[in-house]
C-alpha atoms as a PDB file:
ATOM      1  CA  UNK A   1      13.678  -7.909  -3.987  1.00  0.00           C
ATOM      2  CA  UNK A   2      10.059  -6.927  -4.586  1.00  0.00           C
ATOM      3  CA  UNK A   3       8.236  -8.894  -7.311  1.00  0.00           C
ATOM      4  CA  UNK A   4       4.734  -8.372  -8.700  1.00  0.00           C
ATOM      5  CA  UNK A   5       2.941 -11.199 -10.509  1.00  0.00           C
ATOM      6  CA  UNK A   6      -0.169 -10.449 -12.565  1.00  0.00           C
ATOM      7  CA  UNK A   7      -2.232 -13.580 -13.173  1.00  0.00           C
ATOM      8  CA  UNK A   8      -4.723 -13.160 -16.059  1.00  0.00           C
ATOM      9  CA  UNK A   9      -6.914 -16.126 -15.209  1.00  0.00           C
ATOM     10  CA  UNK A  10     -10.198 -17.567 -16.421  1.00  0.00           C
ATOM     11  CA  UNK A  11     -12.256 -16.515 -13.390  1.00  0.00           C
ATOM     12  CA  UNK A  12     -10.384 -13.436 -12.267  1.00  0.00           C
ATOM     13  CA  UNK A  13      -7.342 -11.286 -12.882  1.00  0.00           C
ATOM     14  CA  UNK A  14      -5.157 -11.064  -9.765  1.00  0.00           C
ATOM     15  CA  UNK A  15      -1.994  -9.232  -8.789  1.00  0.00           C
ATOM     16  CA  UNK A  16       0.227 -10.382  -5.942  1.00  0.00           C
ATOM     17  CA  UNK A  17       3.242  -8.390  -4.805  1.00  0.00           C
ATOM     18  CA  UNK A  18       5.781  -9.942  -2.446  1.00  0.00           C
ATOM     19  CA  UNK A  19       9.166  -9.197  -0.977  1.00  0.00           C
ATOM     20  CA  UNK A  20      11.352 -12.236  -1.587  1.00  0.00           C
ATOM     21  CA  UNK A  21      14.675 -12.933   0.089  1.00  0.00           C
ATOM     22  CA  UNK A  22      17.692 -14.558  -1.547  1.00  0.00           C
ATOM     23  CA  UNK A  23      16.659 -17.765   0.169  1.00  0.00           C
ATOM     24  CA  UNK A  24      13.206 -17.615  -1.444  1.00  0.00           C
ATOM     25  CA  UNK A  25      11.199 -16.585   1.625  1.00  0.00           C
ATOM     26  CA  UNK A  26       8.183 -14.468   0.645  1.00  0.00           C
ATOM     27  CA  UNK A  27       6.352 -11.722   2.511  1.00  0.00           C
ATOM     28  CA  UNK A  28       3.133 -10.554   0.891  1.00  0.00           C
ATOM     29  CA  UNK A  29       2.838  -6.819   0.276  1.00  0.00           C
ATOM     30  CA  UNK A  30      -0.339  -6.649  -1.815  1.00  0.00           C
ATOM     31  CA  UNK A  31      -3.049  -8.848  -3.274  1.00  0.00           C
ATOM     32  CA  UNK A  32      -5.893  -7.528  -5.406  1.00  0.00           C
ATOM     33  CA  UNK A  33      -8.443  -9.287  -7.610  1.00  0.00           C
ATOM     34  CA  UNK A  34     -10.824  -8.306 -10.422  1.00  0.00           C
ATOM     35  CA  UNK A  35     -13.509 -10.954 -11.064  1.00  0.00           C
ATOM     36  CA  UNK A  36     -14.332 -11.355 -14.784  1.00  0.00           C
ATOM     37  CA  UNK A  37     -15.484 -14.974 -15.418  1.00  0.00           C
ATOM     38  CA  UNK A  38     -13.836 -14.993 -18.854  1.00  0.00           C
ATOM     39  CA  UNK A  39     -13.859 -18.797 -18.990  1.00  0.00           C
ATOM     40  CA  UNK A  40     -17.656 -18.882 -19.064  1.00  0.00           C
ATOM     41  CA  UNK A  41     -17.757 -16.233 -21.796  1.00  0.00           C
ATOM     42  CA  UNK A  42     -15.298 -18.142 -23.974  1.00  0.00           C
ATOM     43  CA  UNK A  43     -17.366 -21.325 -23.626  1.00  0.00           C
ATOM     44  CA  UNK A  44     -20.528 -19.547 -24.752  1.00  0.00           C
ATOM     45  CA  UNK A  45     -19.125 -17.230 -27.426  1.00  0.00           C
ATOM     46  CA  UNK A  46     -15.751 -18.644 -28.395  1.00  0.00           C
ATOM     47  CA  UNK A  47     -14.058 -15.259 -28.134  1.00  0.00           C
ATOM     48  CA  UNK A  48     -13.623 -12.231 -25.892  1.00  0.00           C
ATOM     49  CA  UNK A  49     -14.762  -9.060 -27.551  1.00  0.00           C
ATOM     50  CA  UNK A  50     -16.929  -6.059 -26.836  1.00  0.00           C
ATOM     51  CA  UNK A  51     -17.485  -5.439 -23.134  1.00  0.00           C
ATOM     52  CA  UNK A  52     -15.582  -8.567 -22.062  1.00  0.00           C
ATOM     53  CA  UNK A  53     -12.445  -7.356 -23.846  1.00  0.00           C
ATOM     54  CA  UNK A  54     -12.830  -3.825 -22.508  1.00  0.00           C
ATOM     55  CA  UNK A  55     -13.382  -5.106 -18.968  1.00  0.00           C
ATOM     56  CA  UNK A  56     -10.275  -7.291 -19.277  1.00  0.00           C
ATOM     57  CA  UNK A  57      -8.111  -4.374 -20.364  1.00  0.00           C
ATOM     58  CA  UNK A  58      -9.516  -2.125 -17.621  1.00  0.00           C
ATOM     59  CA  UNK A  59      -8.873  -4.791 -14.999  1.00  0.00           C
ATOM     60  CA  UNK A  60      -5.303  -5.371 -16.192  1.00  0.00           C
ATOM     61  CA  UNK A  61      -4.608  -1.630 -16.144  1.00  0.00           C
ATOM     62  CA  UNK A  62      -6.073  -1.306 -12.634  1.00  0.00           C
ATOM     63  CA  UNK A  63      -3.925  -4.145 -11.311  1.00  0.00           C
ATOM     64  CA  UNK A  64      -0.745  -2.747 -12.860  1.00  0.00           C
ATOM     65  CA  UNK A  65      -1.433   0.626 -11.248  1.00  0.00           C
ATOM     66  CA  UNK A  66      -1.985  -1.074  -7.905  1.00  0.00           C
ATOM     67  CA  UNK A  67       1.322  -2.925  -8.299  1.00  0.00           C
ATOM     68  CA  UNK A  68       3.126   0.308  -9.212  1.00  0.00           C
ATOM     69  CA  UNK A  69       2.086   1.862  -5.913  1.00  0.00           C
ATOM     70  CA  UNK A  70       4.260  -0.720  -4.133  1.00  0.00           C
ATOM     71  CA  UNK A  71       7.289   0.136  -6.327  1.00  0.00           C
ATOM     72  CA  UNK A  72       8.194  -3.418  -7.440  1.00  0.00           C
ATOM     73  CA  UNK A  73      11.620  -4.262  -8.829  1.00  0.00           C
ATOM     74  CA  UNK A  74      10.165  -6.824 -11.247  1.00  0.00           C
ATOM     75  CA  UNK A  75       6.700  -7.191 -12.787  1.00  0.00           C
ATOM     76  CA  UNK A  76       5.707 -10.398 -14.572  1.00  0.00           C
ATOM     77  CA  UNK A  77       2.381 -11.315 -16.144  1.00  0.00           C
ATOM     78  CA  UNK A  78       0.915 -14.586 -17.393  1.00  0.00           C
ATOM     79  CA  UNK A  79      -2.362 -15.654 -18.995  1.00  0.00           C
ATOM     80  CA  UNK A  80      -4.037 -19.042 -18.725  1.00  0.00           C
ATOM     81  CA  UNK A  81      -6.887 -21.116 -20.133  1.00  0.00           C
ATOM     82  CA  UNK A  82      -9.481 -18.524 -21.230  1.00  0.00           C
ATOM     83  CA  UNK A  83      -6.959 -16.590 -23.292  1.00  0.00           C
ATOM     84  CA  UNK A  84      -5.508 -19.840 -24.670  1.00  0.00           C
ATOM     85  CA  UNK A  85      -8.964 -20.869 -25.887  1.00  0.00           C
ATOM     86  CA  UNK A  86     -10.415 -17.556 -27.120  1.00  0.00           C
ATOM     87  CA  UNK A  87     -10.273 -17.244 -30.896  1.00  0.00           C
ATOM     88  CA  UNK A  88      -9.122 -13.648 -30.524  1.00  0.00           C
ATOM     89  CA  UNK A  89      -6.823 -14.384 -27.607  1.00  0.00           C
ATOM     90  CA  UNK A  90      -3.653 -13.321 -29.443  1.00  0.00           C
ATOM     91  CA  UNK A  91      -5.150  -9.934 -30.339  1.00  0.00           C
ATOM     92  CA  UNK A  92      -6.394  -9.372 -26.799  1.00  0.00           C
ATOM     93  CA  UNK A  93      -2.994 -10.321 -25.386  1.00  0.00           C
ATOM     94  CA  UNK A  94      -1.479  -7.416 -27.309  1.00  0.00           C
ATOM     95  CA  UNK A  95      -3.927  -5.041 -25.622  1.00  0.00           C
ATOM     96  CA  UNK A  96      -3.224  -6.605 -22.230  1.00  0.00           C
ATOM     97  CA  UNK A  97       0.505  -6.109 -22.706  1.00  0.00           C
ATOM     98  CA  UNK A  98      -0.142  -2.402 -23.264  1.00  0.00           C
ATOM     99  CA  UNK A  99      -2.350  -2.287 -20.162  1.00  0.00           C
ATOM    100  CA  UNK A 100       0.142  -4.143 -17.931  1.00  0.00           C
ATOM    101  CA  UNK A 101       3.170  -2.468 -19.533  1.00  0.00           C
ATOM    102  CA  UNK A 102       5.049  -5.750 -19.594  1.00  0.00           C
ATOM    103  CA  UNK A 103       5.172  -8.909 -21.721  1.00  0.00           C
ATOM    104  CA  UNK A 104       2.283 -11.291 -21.044  1.00  0.00           C
ATOM    105  CA  UNK A 105       3.307 -14.936 -21.148  1.00  0.00           C
ATOM    106  CA  UNK A 106       0.606 -17.242 -22.494  1.00  0.00           C
ATOM    107  CA  UNK A 107       1.157 -20.409 -20.479  1.00  0.00           C
ATOM    108  CA  UNK A 108       0.436 -23.809 -21.941  1.00  0.00           C
ATOM    109  CA  UNK A 109      -1.073 -26.425 -19.660  1.00  0.00           C
ATOM    110  CA  UNK A 110       2.227 -28.117 -18.836  1.00  0.00           C
ATOM    111  CA  UNK A 111       3.914 -24.841 -17.904  1.00  0.00           C
ATOM    112  CA  UNK A 112       0.966 -23.906 -15.727  1.00  0.00           C
ATOM    113  CA  UNK A 113       1.022 -27.259 -13.900  1.00  0.00           C
ATOM    114  CA  UNK A 114       4.781 -26.995 -13.291  1.00  0.00           C
ATOM    115  CA  UNK A 115       4.513 -23.456 -11.895  1.00  0.00           C
ATOM    116  CA  UNK A 116       1.592 -24.502  -9.686  1.00  0.00           C
ATOM    117  CA  UNK A 117       3.711 -27.311  -8.237  1.00  0.00           C
ATOM    118  CA  UNK A 118       6.571 -24.918  -7.507  1.00  0.00           C
ATOM    119  CA  UNK A 119       4.238 -22.402  -5.886  1.00  0.00           C
ATOM    120  CA  UNK A 120       2.614 -25.039  -3.686  1.00  0.00           C
ATOM    121  CA  UNK A 121       5.981 -26.498  -2.679  1.00  0.00           C
ATOM    122  CA  UNK A 122       7.031 -23.057  -1.489  1.00  0.00           C
ATOM    123  CA  UNK A 123       4.065 -22.734   0.895  1.00  0.00           C
ATOM    124  CA  UNK A 124       3.826 -26.300   2.235  1.00  0.00           C
ATOM    125  CA  UNK A 125       6.548 -28.865   2.983  1.00  0.00           C
ATOM    126  CA  UNK A 126       5.953 -31.675   0.502  1.00  0.00           C
ATOM    127  CA  UNK A 127       8.842 -33.914   1.525  1.00  0.00           C
ATOM    128  CA  UNK A 128      10.841 -36.193  -0.739  1.00  0.00           C
ATOM    129  CA  UNK A 129       8.146 -38.735  -1.615  1.00  0.00           C
ATOM    130  CA  UNK A 130       5.956 -38.200  -4.706  1.00  0.00           C
ATOM    131  CA  UNK A 131       3.044 -35.830  -4.122  1.00  0.00           C
ATOM    132  CA  UNK A 132       0.114 -35.089  -6.408  1.00  0.00           C
ATOM    133  CA  UNK A 133      -0.812 -31.422  -6.676  1.00  0.00           C
ATOM    134  CA  UNK A 134      -3.969 -30.060  -8.276  1.00  0.00           C
ATOM    135  CA  UNK A 135      -5.157 -26.590  -9.227  1.00  0.00           C
ATOM    136  CA  UNK A 136      -8.799 -26.139 -10.220  1.00  0.00           C
ATOM    137  CA  UNK A 137      -9.320 -22.807 -11.932  1.00  0.00           C
ATOM    138  CA  UNK A 138     -12.125 -21.277 -13.920  1.00  0.00           C
ATOM    139  CA  UNK A 139     -11.025 -22.790 -17.224  1.00  0.00           C
ATOM    140  CA  UNK A 140      -8.900 -25.825 -16.469  1.00  0.00           C
ATOM    141  CA  UNK A 141      -7.733 -28.418 -13.981  1.00  0.00           C
ATOM    142  CA  UNK A 142      -3.967 -28.798 -13.633  1.00  0.00           C
ATOM    143  CA  UNK A 143      -2.417 -31.923 -12.148  1.00  0.00           C
ATOM    144  CA  UNK A 144       1.234 -32.606 -11.427  1.00  0.00           C
ATOM    145  CA  UNK A 145       3.286 -35.129  -9.494  1.00  0.00           C
ATOM    146  CA  UNK A 146       6.530 -33.958  -7.969  1.00  0.00           C
ATOM    147  CA  UNK A 147       9.242 -35.284  -5.687  1.00  0.00           C
ATOM    148  CA  UNK A 148      12.219 -33.567  -4.027  1.00  0.00           C
ATOM    149  CA  UNK A 149      11.545 -30.374  -5.952  1.00  0.00           C
ATOM    150  CA  UNK A 150      11.362 -32.048  -9.376  1.00  0.00           C
ATOM    151  CA  UNK A 151       8.186 -32.299 -11.445  1.00  0.00           C
ATOM    152  CA  UNK A 152       7.871 -35.918 -12.563  1.00  0.00           C
ATOM    153  CA  UNK A 153       4.630 -35.618 -14.528  1.00  0.00           C
ATOM    154  CA  UNK A 154       2.085 -32.931 -15.354  1.00  0.00           C
ATOM    155  CA  UNK A 155      -1.137 -32.534 -17.310  1.00  0.00           C
ATOM    156  CA  UNK A 156      -3.882 -29.998 -17.928  1.00  0.00           C
ATOM    157  CA  UNK A 157      -7.564 -30.645 -18.611  1.00  0.00           C
ATOM    158  CA  UNK A 158     -10.376 -28.288 -19.785  1.00  0.00           C
ATOM    159  CA  UNK A 159     -12.401 -28.937 -16.637  1.00  0.00           C
ATOM    160  CA  UNK A 160     -12.537 -25.532 -14.979  1.00  0.00           C
ATOM    161  CA  UNK A 161     -15.443 -24.629 -12.699  1.00  0.00           C
ATOM    162  CA  UNK A 162     -16.629 -21.680 -14.802  1.00  0.00           C
ATOM    163  CA  UNK A 163     -16.186 -23.593 -18.047  1.00  0.00           C
ATOM    164  CA  UNK A 164     -18.248 -26.621 -17.002  1.00  0.00           C
ATOM    165  CA  UNK A 165     -20.902 -24.533 -15.245  1.00  0.00           C
ATOM    166  CA  UNK A 166     -21.454 -22.543 -18.438  1.00  0.00           C
ATOM    167  CA  UNK A 167     -21.295 -25.473 -20.844  1.00  0.00           C
ATOM    168  CA  UNK A 168     -23.024 -28.283 -18.948  1.00  0.00           C
ATOM    169  CA  UNK A 169     -25.584 -26.792 -16.544  1.00  0.00           C
ATOM    170  CA  UNK A 170     -28.819 -24.897 -17.184  1.00  0.00           C
ATOM    171  CA  UNK A 171     -30.719 -25.156 -13.896  1.00  0.00           C
ATOM    172  CA  UNK A 172     -30.429 -23.809 -10.378  1.00  0.00           C
ATOM    173  CA  UNK A 173     -29.893 -25.841  -8.332  1.00  0.00           C
ATOM    174  CA  UNK A 174     -28.038 -28.176 -10.672  1.00  0.00           C
ATOM    175  CA  UNK A 175     -30.374 -30.898 -11.918  1.00  0.00           C
ATOM    176  CA  UNK A 176     -29.358 -34.471 -10.991  1.00  0.00           C
ATOM    177  CA  UNK A 177     -28.980 -35.520 -14.628  1.00  0.00           C
ATOM    178  CA  UNK A 178     -26.733 -32.531 -15.318  1.00  0.00           C
ATOM    179  CA  UNK A 179     -24.641 -33.294 -12.247  1.00  0.00           C
ATOM    180  CA  UNK A 180     -24.315 -36.905 -13.418  1.00  0.00           C
ATOM    181  CA  UNK A 181     -23.222 -35.686 -16.861  1.00  0.00           C
ATOM    182  CA  UNK A 182     -20.569 -33.418 -15.356  1.00  0.00           C
ATOM    183  CA  UNK A 183     -19.308 -36.251 -13.174  1.00  0.00           C
ATOM    184  CA  UNK A 184     -19.075 -38.655 -16.108  1.00  0.00           C
ATOM    185  CA  UNK A 185     -17.364 -36.020 -18.269  1.00  0.00           C
ATOM    186  CA  UNK A 186     -14.720 -35.426 -15.601  1.00  0.00           C
ATOM    187  CA  UNK A 187     -14.155 -39.167 -15.113  1.00  0.00           C
ATOM    188  CA  UNK A 188     -13.778 -39.766 -18.835  1.00  0.00           C
ATOM    189  CA  UNK A 189     -11.503 -36.791 -19.405  1.00  0.00           C
ATOM    190  CA  UNK A 190      -9.042 -37.609 -16.633  1.00  0.00           C
ATOM    191  CA  UNK A 191      -9.174 -41.395 -17.094  1.00  0.00           C
ATOM    192  CA  UNK A 192      -5.770 -41.685 -18.851  1.00  0.00           C
ATOM    193  CA  UNK A 193      -4.138 -39.565 -16.132  1.00  0.00           C
ATOM    194  CA  UNK A 194      -5.814 -41.597 -13.398  1.00  0.00           C
ATOM    195  CA  UNK A 195      -4.490 -44.827 -14.893  1.00  0.00           C
ATOM    196  CA  UNK A 196      -0.964 -43.417 -15.116  1.00  0.00           C
ATOM    197  CA  UNK A 197      -0.924 -41.954 -11.592  1.00  0.00           C
ATOM    198  CA  UNK A 198      -2.317 -45.128 -10.046  1.00  0.00           C
ATOM    199  CA  UNK A 199       0.229 -47.250 -11.911  1.00  0.00           C
ATOM    200  CA  UNK A 200       3.288 -45.123 -11.119  1.00  0.00           C
ATOM    201  CA  UNK A 201       2.427 -43.346  -7.864  1.00  0.00           C
ATOM    202  CA  UNK A 202      -0.019 -45.487  -5.935  1.00  0.00           C
ATOM    203  CA  UNK A 203      -1.398 -43.892  -2.744  1.00  0.00           C
ATOM    204  CA  UNK A 204       0.247 -40.488  -3.248  1.00  0.00           C
ATOM    205  CA  UNK A 205      -0.963 -37.681  -0.970  1.00  0.00           C
ATOM    206  CA  UNK A 206      -2.713 -34.767  -2.692  1.00  0.00           C
ATOM    207  CA  UNK A 207      -2.179 -31.050  -2.118  1.00  0.00           C
ATOM    208  CA  UNK A 208      -4.442 -28.632  -3.938  1.00  0.00           C
ATOM    209  CA  UNK A 209      -4.986 -24.967  -4.652  1.00  0.00           C
ATOM    210  CA  UNK A 210      -7.333 -22.745  -6.631  1.00  0.00           C
ATOM    211  CA  UNK A 211     -10.232 -20.484  -5.760  1.00  0.00           C
ATOM    212  CA  UNK A 212     -12.871 -23.208  -5.576  1.00  0.00           C
ATOM    213  CA  UNK A 213     -10.847 -25.413  -3.243  1.00  0.00           C
ATOM    214  CA  UNK A 214      -9.912 -22.538  -0.961  1.00  0.00           C
ATOM    215  CA  UNK A 215     -13.557 -21.419  -0.850  1.00  0.00           C
ATOM    216  CA  UNK A 216     -14.627 -24.923   0.181  1.00  0.00           C
ATOM    217  CA  UNK A 217     -11.931 -24.947   2.866  1.00  0.00           C
ATOM    218  CA  UNK A 218     -13.212 -21.638   4.256  1.00  0.00           C
ATOM    219  CA  UNK A 219     -16.730 -23.042   4.342  1.00  0.00           C
ATOM    220  CA  UNK A 220     -15.406 -26.032   6.265  1.00  0.00           C
ATOM    221  CA  UNK A 221     -13.724 -23.700   8.751  1.00  0.00           C
ATOM    222  CA  UNK A 222     -17.025 -21.857   9.169  1.00  0.00           C
ATOM    223  CA  UNK A 223     -18.833 -25.162   9.734  1.00  0.00           C
ATOM    224  CA  UNK A 224     -16.322 -26.047  12.444  1.00  0.00           C
ATOM    225  CA  UNK A 225     -16.801 -22.534  13.872  1.00  0.00           C
ATOM    226  CA  UNK A 226     -13.065 -22.036  13.637  1.00  0.00           C
ATOM    227  CA  UNK A 227     -11.695 -18.488  13.453  1.00  0.00           C
ATOM    228  CA  UNK A 228     -11.546 -17.173   9.885  1.00  0.00           C
ATOM    229  CA  UNK A 229      -7.999 -17.054   8.584  1.00  0.00           C
ATOM    230  CA  UNK A 230      -5.548 -18.827   6.347  1.00  0.00           C
ATOM    231  CA  UNK A 231      -6.598 -22.216   5.003  1.00  0.00           C
ATOM    232  CA  UNK A 232      -2.999 -23.164   4.252  1.00  0.00           C
ATOM    233  CA  UNK A 233      -2.391 -26.726   5.437  1.00  0.00           C
ATOM    234  CA  UNK A 234      -6.028 -27.593   6.176  1.00  0.00           C
ATOM    235  CA  UNK A 235      -6.942 -31.106   5.062  1.00  0.00           C
ATOM    236  CA  UNK A 236     -10.363 -31.777   3.563  1.00  0.00           C
ATOM    237  CA  UNK A 237     -11.206 -35.476   3.906  1.00  0.00           C
ATOM    238  CA  UNK A 238     -12.876 -36.952   0.826  1.00  0.00           C
ATOM    239  CA  UNK A 239     -15.993 -37.778   2.844  1.00  0.00           C
ATOM    240  CA  UNK A 240     -16.432 -34.141   3.898  1.00  0.00           C
ATOM    241  CA  UNK A 241     -15.825 -32.938   0.345  1.00  0.00           C
ATOM    242  CA  UNK A 242     -18.464 -35.368  -0.932  1.00  0.00           C
ATOM    243  CA  UNK A 243     -20.986 -34.244   1.701  1.00  0.00           C
ATOM    244  CA  UNK A 244     -20.481 -30.557   0.936  1.00  0.00           C
ATOM    245  CA  UNK A 245     -20.679 -31.239  -2.787  1.00  0.00           C
ATOM    246  CA  UNK A 246     -24.052 -32.955  -2.400  1.00  0.00           C
ATOM    247  CA  UNK A 247     -25.328 -30.048  -0.322  1.00  0.00           C
ATOM    248  CA  UNK A 248     -24.128 -27.428  -2.820  1.00  0.00           C
ATOM    249  CA  UNK A 249     -25.709 -29.279  -5.735  1.00  0.00           C
ATOM    250  CA  UNK A 250     -29.092 -29.441  -4.006  1.00  0.00           C
ATOM    251  CA  UNK A 251     -29.196 -25.865  -2.665  1.00  0.00           C
ATOM    252  CA  UNK A 252     -30.610 -22.964  -4.729  1.00  0.00           C
ATOM    253  CA  UNK A 253     -28.477 -19.884  -5.248  1.00  0.00           C
ATOM    254  CA  UNK A 254     -30.204 -17.621  -2.727  1.00  0.00           C
ATOM    255  CA  UNK A 255     -29.751 -20.283  -0.049  1.00  0.00           C
ATOM    256  CA  UNK A 256     -26.138 -20.931  -1.046  1.00  0.00           C
ATOM    257  CA  UNK A 257     -25.442 -17.265  -0.408  1.00  0.00           C
ATOM    258  CA  UNK A 258     -26.569 -17.812   3.189  1.00  0.00           C
ATOM    259  CA  UNK A 259     -24.216 -20.734   3.770  1.00  0.00           C
ATOM    260  CA  UNK A 260     -21.473 -19.819   6.282  1.00  0.00           C
ATOM    261  CA  UNK A 261     -18.232 -18.949   4.541  1.00  0.00           C
ATOM    262  CA  UNK A 262     -19.736 -18.802   1.026  1.00  0.00           C
ATOM    263  CA  UNK A 263     -17.921 -16.196  -1.120  1.00  0.00           C
ATOM    264  CA  UNK A 264     -20.486 -14.352  -3.243  1.00  0.00           C
ATOM    265  CA  UNK A 265     -18.149 -14.191  -6.240  1.00  0.00           C
ATOM    266  CA  UNK A 266     -18.087 -18.023  -6.431  1.00  0.00           C
ATOM    267  CA  UNK A 267     -21.696 -18.795  -5.566  1.00  0.00           C
ATOM    268  CA  UNK A 268     -22.598 -19.639  -9.183  1.00  0.00           C
ATOM    269  CA  UNK A 269     -19.654 -21.913  -9.964  1.00  0.00           C
ATOM    270  CA  UNK A 270     -18.857 -23.565  -6.625  1.00  0.00           C
ATOM    271  CA  UNK A 271     -21.346 -26.476  -6.937  1.00  0.00           C
ATOM    272  CA  UNK A 272     -19.698 -27.664 -10.144  1.00  0.00           C
ATOM    273  CA  UNK A 273     -16.223 -26.814  -8.843  1.00  0.00           C
ATOM    274  CA  UNK A 274     -16.833 -28.987  -5.788  1.00  0.00           C
ATOM    275  CA  UNK A 275     -18.164 -31.766  -8.029  1.00  0.00           C
ATOM    276  CA  UNK A 276     -15.005 -31.710 -10.162  1.00  0.00           C
ATOM    277  CA  UNK A 277     -12.806 -31.987  -7.066  1.00  0.00           C
ATOM    278  CA  UNK A 278     -14.942 -34.723  -5.494  1.00  0.00           C
ATOM    279  CA  UNK A 279     -14.943 -36.725  -8.735  1.00  0.00           C
ATOM    280  CA  UNK A 280     -11.173 -36.348  -9.041  1.00  0.00           C
ATOM    281  CA  UNK A 281     -10.741 -37.601  -5.462  1.00  0.00           C
ATOM    282  CA  UNK A 282     -12.993 -40.580  -6.096  1.00  0.00           C
ATOM    283  CA  UNK A 283     -11.323 -41.472  -9.405  1.00  0.00           C
ATOM    284  CA  UNK A 284      -7.850 -41.375  -7.858  1.00  0.00           C
ATOM    285  CA  UNK A 285      -8.896 -43.072  -4.571  1.00  0.00           C
ATOM    286  CA  UNK A 286      -7.627 -40.071  -2.612  1.00  0.00           C
ATOM    287  CA  UNK A 287      -8.242 -39.874   1.127  1.00  0.00           C
ATOM    288  CA  UNK A 288      -8.601 -36.115   0.846  1.00  0.00           C
ATOM    289  CA  UNK A 289      -6.905 -32.895  -0.261  1.00  0.00           C
ATOM    290  CA  UNK A 290      -4.587 -30.702   1.784  1.00  0.00           C
ATOM    291  CA  UNK A 291      -5.148 -27.059   0.875  1.00  0.00           C
ATOM    292  CA  UNK A 292      -2.349 -24.695  -0.120  1.00  0.00           C
ATOM    293  CA  UNK A 293      -2.525 -20.907  -0.319  1.00  0.00           C
ATOM    294  CA  UNK A 294       0.312 -21.023  -2.847  1.00  0.00           C
ATOM    295  CA  UNK A 295       0.003 -21.756  -6.530  1.00  0.00           C
ATOM    296  CA  UNK A 296       0.600 -20.280  -9.947  1.00  0.00           C
ATOM    297  CA  UNK A 297       1.372 -16.732  -8.846  1.00  0.00           C
ATOM    298  CA  UNK A 298       3.944 -17.881  -6.297  1.00  0.00           C
ATOM    299  CA  UNK A 299       5.488 -20.127  -8.957  1.00  0.00           C
ATOM    300  CA  UNK A 300       5.785 -17.148 -11.306  1.00  0.00           C
ATOM    301  CA  UNK A 301       7.410 -15.062  -8.565  1.00  0.00           C
ATOM    302  CA  UNK A 302       9.962 -17.745  -7.698  1.00  0.00           C
ATOM    303  CA  UNK A 303      10.826 -18.196 -11.371  1.00  0.00           C
ATOM    304  CA  UNK A 304      11.231 -14.432 -11.860  1.00  0.00           C
ATOM    305  CA  UNK A 305      13.480 -14.176  -8.800  1.00  0.00           C
ATOM    306  CA  UNK A 306      15.698 -17.025 -10.035  1.00  0.00           C
ATOM    307  CA  UNK A 307      15.961 -15.469 -13.490  1.00  0.00           C
ATOM    308  CA  UNK A 308      16.923 -12.111 -11.981  1.00  0.00           C
ATOM    309  CA  UNK A 309      19.542 -13.726  -9.761  1.00  0.00           C
ATOM    310  CA  UNK A 310      21.131 -15.514 -12.731  1.00  0.00           C
ATOM    311  CA  UNK A 311      21.139 -12.314 -14.764  1.00  0.00           C
ATOM    312  CA  UNK A 312      22.872 -10.472 -11.924  1.00  0.00           C
ATOM    313  CA  UNK A 313      25.569 -13.146 -11.864  1.00  0.00           C
END
């Protein structure tokens, strides 16, 4: 079965097409991305209209056409934080459904965290013991704890890299007082979750996904002079994450662009994205984060395949 998943996210819109076997094994056929940074626009303006809305519709239409070229059996689409928060999100969703020619599911934070867990579990063996998974996107941070395939707890926080960069920073490089404010905001926001996780799941390992984390992992590979390739399964120790975060926060944009492995599309938001992840690690006393290439899109694909199998009897 060939399944296409269109992810209408806060930083970018992405389509992934895979062939999936009855046993759930995936082979990627296509991946394409359109970078939009909608999360930052929503923070500043509260809505998505004018050129932002037109660009969103164009991007969605482009991705659907790209998916059609692979002749998928199923196409699913989902929207996340930026479209949840935009005051005109419901109206724009109608336009996006026309552009994608399929229903667009507006995920709430809990649904998103659950699907992220399922997508990560498909790409990395998590074992039977509780594991914390995290997904830092442009608009939000999703956390979930799962064990033996079951999600035991999940939460979503408005702490995305694009969102906090737009709302809490004004300088380049990020001024120390602004970095301190971001750090304190993250600590305060996730404090109830930290207390719960520490009480129930002390010393859980952490597996993470999301564009910022994968970008940091690629930079770490470049620092090690390892061959460029998949970052799936790479572990970033907390000490290395902290060191890279400090460097990103102190480095001006033009110099960040020269850093080995730096993706140009994330150069503006990666300092704050790294700071969110480092603060999360510190708050939860994590030794580090193991990186997964799987996430929300893979979770959507697995869910669609299961639904199709049930419908077929």
